[in-house]
Protein backbone atom coordinates (compact mmCIF):
# COMPACT_ATOMS: atom_id res chain seq x y z
CA GLN A 1 175.78 153.69 274.00
CA ILE A 2 173.88 150.52 274.90
CA GLN A 3 170.17 150.93 275.42
CA GLY A 4 167.05 149.05 276.12
CA THR A 5 163.40 149.87 274.98
CA ILE A 6 161.87 149.57 278.52
CA PHE A 7 162.70 152.11 281.24
CA PRO A 8 161.34 152.86 284.74
CA SER A 9 158.03 154.50 284.51
CA PRO A 10 158.34 157.96 286.02
CA ASN A 11 155.11 158.41 288.02
CA PHE A 12 155.09 154.84 289.18
CA ASN A 13 152.40 153.66 291.64
CA PRO A 14 152.36 149.96 292.35
CA ILE A 15 149.16 150.01 294.30
CA MET A 16 147.34 151.69 291.45
CA ASP A 17 148.69 149.34 288.92
CA ALA A 18 147.81 146.30 290.98
CA GLN A 19 144.45 147.59 291.25
CA LEU A 20 143.98 148.11 287.54
CA LEU A 21 145.44 144.63 286.74
CA GLY A 22 143.07 143.12 289.45
CA GLY A 23 140.03 144.78 287.62
CA ALA A 24 141.43 143.67 284.14
CA LEU A 25 141.75 140.04 285.36
CA GLN A 26 138.87 139.63 287.57
CA GLY A 27 136.27 140.92 285.05
CA ILE A 28 134.05 138.65 283.02
CA SER A 29 136.18 139.01 279.93
CA CYS A 30 139.97 139.78 280.57
CA GLU A 31 140.98 143.28 279.59
CA LYS A 32 144.04 142.36 277.77
CA ASP A 33 144.88 145.95 276.46
CA VAL A 34 145.11 146.99 280.20
CA LEU A 35 147.61 144.15 280.81
CA ILE A 36 149.70 145.30 277.96
CA ASP A 37 149.60 149.05 278.82
CA ILE A 38 150.91 148.32 282.37
CA LEU A 39 153.25 145.37 282.14
CA THR A 40 155.28 146.46 278.98
CA GLN A 41 155.57 149.96 280.14
CA ARG A 42 157.18 149.26 283.68
CA CYS A 43 160.70 147.90 284.21
CA ASN A 44 161.30 144.54 285.71
CA SER A 45 161.94 145.86 289.37
CA GLN A 46 158.75 147.87 289.19
CA ARG A 47 156.62 144.79 287.80
CA LEU A 48 158.03 142.85 290.98
CA MET A 49 156.62 145.58 293.09
CA ILE A 50 153.35 145.44 291.26
CA ALA A 51 153.28 141.75 292.02
CA GLU A 52 153.87 142.37 295.78
CA ALA A 53 151.01 144.91 295.91
CA TYR A 54 148.75 142.54 294.04
CA ARG A 55 149.35 139.83 296.62
CA ASP A 56 148.74 142.12 299.51
CA MET A 57 145.57 143.46 297.94
CA TYR A 58 143.98 140.10 296.56
CA GLY A 59 145.78 137.51 298.54
CA ARG A 60 146.69 135.99 295.10
CA ASP A 61 149.70 135.49 292.90
CA LEU A 62 149.69 137.60 289.97
CA ILE A 63 151.68 135.19 287.75
CA THR A 64 149.14 132.43 288.55
CA ASP A 65 146.31 134.68 287.65
CA LEU A 66 147.98 135.71 284.34
CA LYS A 67 148.47 131.97 283.64
CA GLU A 68 144.76 131.12 284.40
CA ASN A 69 143.35 134.00 282.33
CA LEU A 70 145.65 134.10 279.35
CA SER A 71 146.50 131.48 276.68
CA HIS A 72 149.08 130.68 273.99
CA HIS A 73 151.91 133.05 273.13
CA PHE A 74 150.36 136.13 274.54
CA LYS A 75 150.33 134.42 277.97
CA GLU A 76 154.14 133.47 277.50
CA VAL A 77 154.88 137.19 276.97
CA MET A 78 152.98 138.46 279.88
CA VAL A 79 154.15 135.79 282.29
CA GLY A 80 157.77 136.02 281.08
CA LEU A 81 157.81 139.71 281.95
CA MET A 82 156.95 138.94 285.47
CA TYR A 83 160.12 136.90 286.29
CA PRO A 84 163.30 138.68 287.55
CA PRO A 85 165.95 138.15 284.63
CA ALA A 86 167.83 135.50 286.25
CA SER A 87 164.76 133.45 287.20
CA TYR A 88 163.49 133.80 283.63
CA ASP A 89 166.83 132.68 282.16
CA ALA A 90 166.66 129.76 284.65
CA HIS A 91 163.14 128.86 283.59
CA GLU A 92 164.08 129.01 279.81
CA LEU A 93 167.27 126.76 280.47
CA TRP A 94 165.12 124.34 282.47
CA HIS A 95 162.58 123.86 279.71
CA ALA A 96 165.29 123.68 277.04
CA LEU A 97 167.08 120.87 278.88
CA LYS A 98 164.31 119.12 280.43
CA GLY A 99 161.59 119.30 277.48
CA ALA A 100 160.78 116.46 275.07
CA ASP A 101 163.77 117.47 272.98
CA THR A 102 166.90 119.44 274.19
CA GLU A 103 166.61 122.96 272.68
CA GLU A 104 170.31 123.63 271.89
CA LYS A 105 169.89 127.01 270.29
CA CYS A 106 168.20 128.30 273.71
CA LEU A 107 171.23 127.05 275.63
CA ILE A 108 173.56 128.75 273.18
CA ASP A 109 171.64 132.01 273.22
CA ILE A 110 171.80 132.34 277.04
CA LEU A 111 175.08 130.78 278.01
CA ALA A 112 177.07 132.38 275.26
CA SER A 113 175.79 135.89 275.94
CA ARG A 114 175.69 136.31 279.75
CA SER A 115 178.27 137.72 282.01
CA ASN A 116 179.85 136.02 284.99
CA MET A 117 177.64 137.65 287.29
CA GLU A 118 174.47 136.93 285.36
CA ILE A 119 175.55 133.16 285.09
CA PHE A 120 176.04 133.10 288.86
CA GLN A 121 172.59 134.54 289.46
CA ILE A 122 171.10 132.11 286.98
CA LYS A 123 172.62 129.10 288.78
CA GLU A 124 171.23 130.34 291.93
CA ALA A 125 167.80 130.80 290.53
CA TYR A 126 167.93 127.51 288.83
CA LEU A 127 168.84 125.75 292.10
CA MET A 128 166.11 127.64 293.96
CA GLN A 129 163.45 127.01 291.36
CA TYR A 130 164.00 123.40 290.28
CA ASN A 131 166.15 122.10 293.20
CA ASN A 132 168.72 121.00 290.45
CA ASP A 133 172.15 121.97 289.63
CA LEU A 134 172.32 123.66 286.28
CA GLN A 135 175.76 122.13 285.46
CA GLN A 136 174.66 118.65 286.41
CA ASP A 137 171.67 119.01 284.20
CA ILE A 138 173.91 120.31 281.22
CA ASP A 139 176.24 117.30 281.82
CA SER A 140 173.37 114.72 281.57
CA GLU A 141 171.24 116.37 278.91
CA THR A 142 173.90 117.24 276.28
CA SER A 143 177.16 115.44 274.98
CA GLY A 144 180.59 115.81 273.45
CA HIS A 145 182.51 119.04 272.95
CA PHE A 146 179.26 121.03 272.83
CA ARG A 147 178.59 119.90 276.33
CA ASP A 148 182.13 120.59 277.51
CA THR A 149 181.87 124.11 276.13
CA LEU A 150 178.45 124.63 277.74
CA MET A 151 179.83 123.37 280.94
CA ASN A 152 182.82 125.76 280.87
CA LEU A 153 180.52 128.68 280.08
CA ALA A 154 178.20 127.73 283.03
CA GLN A 155 181.20 128.07 285.39
CA GLY A 156 181.18 131.79 284.86
CA THR A 157 184.89 131.98 285.10
CA ARG A 158 185.59 134.30 282.27
CA MET A 159 188.35 136.94 282.99
CA GLU A 160 186.90 140.44 283.08
CA GLY A 161 188.45 143.74 281.83
CA TYR A 162 191.97 142.13 281.51
CA ALA A 163 193.96 142.11 278.31
CA ASP A 164 197.69 141.05 277.65
CA PRO A 165 198.72 142.08 274.13
CA SER A 166 201.88 139.89 274.54
CA THR A 167 199.79 136.61 274.61
CA ALA A 168 197.25 137.54 271.97
CA ALA A 169 199.44 136.25 269.06
CA GLN A 170 200.07 133.02 271.01
CA ASP A 171 196.32 132.47 271.71
CA ALA A 172 195.54 133.21 268.05
CA MET A 173 198.16 130.55 266.96
CA ILE A 174 196.43 127.80 269.34
CA LEU A 175 192.99 128.78 267.78
CA TRP A 176 194.55 128.38 264.17
CA GLU A 177 196.12 125.17 264.99
CA ALA A 178 192.76 123.85 266.57
CA CYS A 179 191.10 124.63 263.21
CA GLN A 180 193.67 122.73 261.28
CA GLN A 181 194.14 119.63 263.55
CA LYS A 182 190.67 119.24 264.92
CA THR A 183 191.82 116.59 267.50
CA GLY A 184 189.91 116.24 270.80
CA GLU A 185 192.74 118.16 272.64
CA HIS A 186 192.60 121.01 270.14
CA LYS A 187 188.87 121.40 270.50
CA ASN A 188 189.58 121.64 274.36
CA MET A 189 192.07 124.36 273.88
CA LEU A 190 189.84 126.26 271.48
CA GLN A 191 186.86 126.28 273.84
CA MET A 192 189.17 127.10 276.84
CA ILE A 193 190.38 130.20 275.13
CA LEU A 194 186.87 131.24 273.91
CA CYS A 195 185.07 130.59 277.28
CA ASN A 196 187.73 132.03 279.71
CA LYS A 197 189.70 134.96 278.18
CA SER A 198 188.11 138.38 278.61
CA TYR A 199 186.18 140.07 275.80
CA GLN A 200 189.11 142.46 275.51
CA GLN A 201 191.69 139.97 275.01
CA LEU A 202 189.68 137.93 272.53
CA TRP A 203 189.18 141.23 270.46
CA MET A 204 192.88 141.23 270.04
CA VAL A 205 193.17 137.50 269.57
CA PHE A 206 190.65 137.65 266.66
CA GLN A 207 192.67 140.36 265.13
CA GLU A 208 195.89 138.25 265.47
CA PHE A 209 193.96 135.24 263.98
CA GLN A 210 193.03 137.16 260.87
CA ASN A 211 196.90 138.24 260.51
CA ILE A 212 198.14 134.71 260.98
CA SER A 213 195.65 132.82 258.78
CA GLY A 214 194.34 135.51 256.45
CA GLN A 215 190.88 134.36 257.57
CA ASP A 216 188.05 135.62 259.72
CA ILE A 217 187.84 133.38 262.87
CA VAL A 218 184.00 132.64 262.19
CA ASP A 219 184.78 131.53 258.60
CA ALA A 220 187.54 129.18 260.02
CA ILE A 221 185.30 127.78 262.65
CA ASN A 222 182.47 127.26 260.20
CA GLU A 223 184.80 125.50 257.81
CA CYS A 224 186.36 123.20 260.39
CA TYR A 225 183.57 122.19 262.61
CA ASP A 226 179.95 121.39 262.39
CA GLY A 227 176.82 120.83 264.62
CA TYR A 228 175.99 122.69 267.68
CA PHE A 229 179.60 122.75 268.76
CA GLN A 230 180.34 124.87 265.73
CA GLU A 231 177.19 127.02 266.43
CA LEU A 232 178.13 127.52 270.07
CA LEU A 233 181.71 128.73 269.12
CA VAL A 234 180.57 131.00 266.59
CA ALA A 235 177.87 132.62 268.99
CA ILE A 236 180.63 133.19 271.50
CA VAL A 237 182.72 135.01 268.97
CA LEU A 238 179.69 137.13 267.62
CA CYS A 239 178.80 137.94 271.28
CA VAL A 240 182.46 139.14 272.00
CA ARG A 241 182.29 141.35 268.92
CA ASP A 242 178.81 142.80 269.07
CA LYS A 243 175.98 141.32 271.21
CA PRO A 244 173.20 143.50 269.64
CA SER A 245 174.36 142.15 266.01
CA TYR A 246 174.17 138.50 267.37
CA PHE A 247 170.65 138.94 268.63
CA ALA A 248 169.50 140.76 265.55
CA ASP A 249 170.52 137.80 263.52
CA ARG A 250 168.91 135.40 265.96
CA LEU A 251 165.63 137.39 265.67
CA TYR A 252 165.90 137.57 261.95
CA ASN A 253 166.28 133.75 261.69
CA ALA A 254 163.66 133.09 264.17
CA ILE A 255 161.17 135.23 262.24
CA HIS A 256 161.95 134.16 258.70
CA ASP A 257 163.71 130.77 258.72
CA PHE A 258 161.46 128.85 261.13
CA GLY A 259 158.09 130.40 260.07
CA PHE A 260 158.18 132.62 263.19
CA HIS A 261 159.84 130.63 265.98
CA ASN A 262 157.88 132.19 268.82
CA LYS A 263 159.87 131.04 271.88
CA THR A 264 163.02 132.70 270.51
CA VAL A 265 161.42 135.91 269.50
CA ILE A 266 159.81 136.10 273.02
CA ARG A 267 162.92 135.19 274.89
CA ILE A 268 165.11 137.76 273.12
CA LEU A 269 162.61 140.66 273.30
CA ILE A 270 162.04 140.03 276.98
CA THR A 271 165.62 139.46 278.08
CA ARG A 272 167.15 142.29 276.07
CA SER A 273 164.41 144.89 276.61
CA GLU A 274 166.27 146.57 279.50
CA ILE A 275 169.70 146.01 278.16
CA ASP A 276 170.21 146.65 274.51
CA LEU A 277 167.04 146.07 272.40
CA MET A 278 167.19 149.43 270.98
CA ASN A 279 170.70 148.68 269.59
CA ILE A 280 169.31 145.34 268.49
CA ARG A 281 166.60 147.17 266.52
CA GLN A 282 169.09 149.47 264.94
CA ARG A 283 171.32 146.50 263.82
CA TYR A 284 168.35 144.68 262.58
CA LYS A 285 167.27 147.62 260.35
CA GLU A 286 170.87 148.12 259.03
CA ARG A 287 171.40 144.58 258.15
CA TYR A 288 167.97 143.55 256.68
CA GLY A 289 166.52 146.84 255.33
CA LYS A 290 163.15 146.15 257.20
CA SER A 291 162.67 147.18 260.81
CA LEU A 292 162.10 144.54 263.55
CA PHE A 293 158.77 146.25 264.24
CA HIS A 294 157.64 145.80 260.61
CA ASP A 295 158.63 142.04 260.65
CA ILE A 296 156.84 141.34 263.92
CA LYS A 297 153.79 142.99 262.60
CA HIS A 298 154.02 140.98 259.53
CA PHE A 299 154.02 137.57 261.32
CA ALA A 300 152.26 138.12 264.65
CA SER A 301 148.65 139.03 265.34
CA GLY A 302 146.10 139.98 267.93
CA HIS A 303 147.26 140.88 271.53
CA TYR A 304 150.32 138.75 271.09
CA GLU A 305 151.37 141.17 268.30
CA SER A 306 150.50 144.25 270.37
CA ALA A 307 152.37 142.97 273.39
CA LEU A 308 155.64 142.20 271.15
CA LEU A 309 155.36 145.56 269.54
CA ALA A 310 154.92 147.35 272.86
CA ILE A 311 158.25 145.73 274.25
CA CYS A 312 160.00 146.38 270.84
CA ALA A 313 158.93 150.01 271.12
CA GLY A 314 158.83 151.07 267.40
CA ASP A 315 157.97 154.27 266.05
CA ALA A 316 155.54 155.29 263.18
CA GLU A 317 158.39 155.20 260.61
CA ASP A 318 159.14 151.58 261.46
CA TYR A 319 156.01 150.25 259.74
């Protein structure tokens, strides 16, 4: 059972919430605890209704007021919660593509894990927000087989729910050859299969790959390829197998390998909060022995820490 950590608030009153937020933001010192209590305890559609009520009440934009009153990572969390999911993904992709340096890992996280429908909505949001075409921006800001694979994922043309056992061995054979030969043509075949076959089909293909080669597909990809192309292919495989595990790994690396990579932690917590963050927490604990709650507490501080922990929704035994 896939489960998030944020649910619709049962006795929801957008007008009252908007009033409380207005009071918290308009005061002499911003009451950050009030912001956390409200915005992390309402689901995204409720937050959008609060923003509407806020505009009606004060004639101002809630996101603008949050940006003006808050700073640093705490601001990023509170503002991030106010975007609809597709708009938030579009916002993250835009900054990953158009920032001083291309943030390849952000592109990988989003494009390797989203469904066709989500990708379609992201492209629409991207066009509306930035008046740019996402695929054109990927084309101009990335290169090589990494670019080709991202472009393929951004088409959102993966087959859904369809599996054909009779072709699984054939697909596995193509993947196996692609890991041996490593020509441009083989790399194309590899990414075509990983980006376009259904998750159900790929499950069978990976099983057949193991039978043919005596090797797990992730190990084979890691041996044969390198750079962001290799990272992207592995991310696709891991997302097919178990998305919560993929994101648990990403969170662990973001917290431990990079001295707390804030952008990654914030993005994953916000984007998975209503989908599978509870499952991600479980995988994290199983894999690393410490809870996600414990590790965030260890690295973050102040209202930023409180906001992340509220989204993570830990229990007392998670310390």
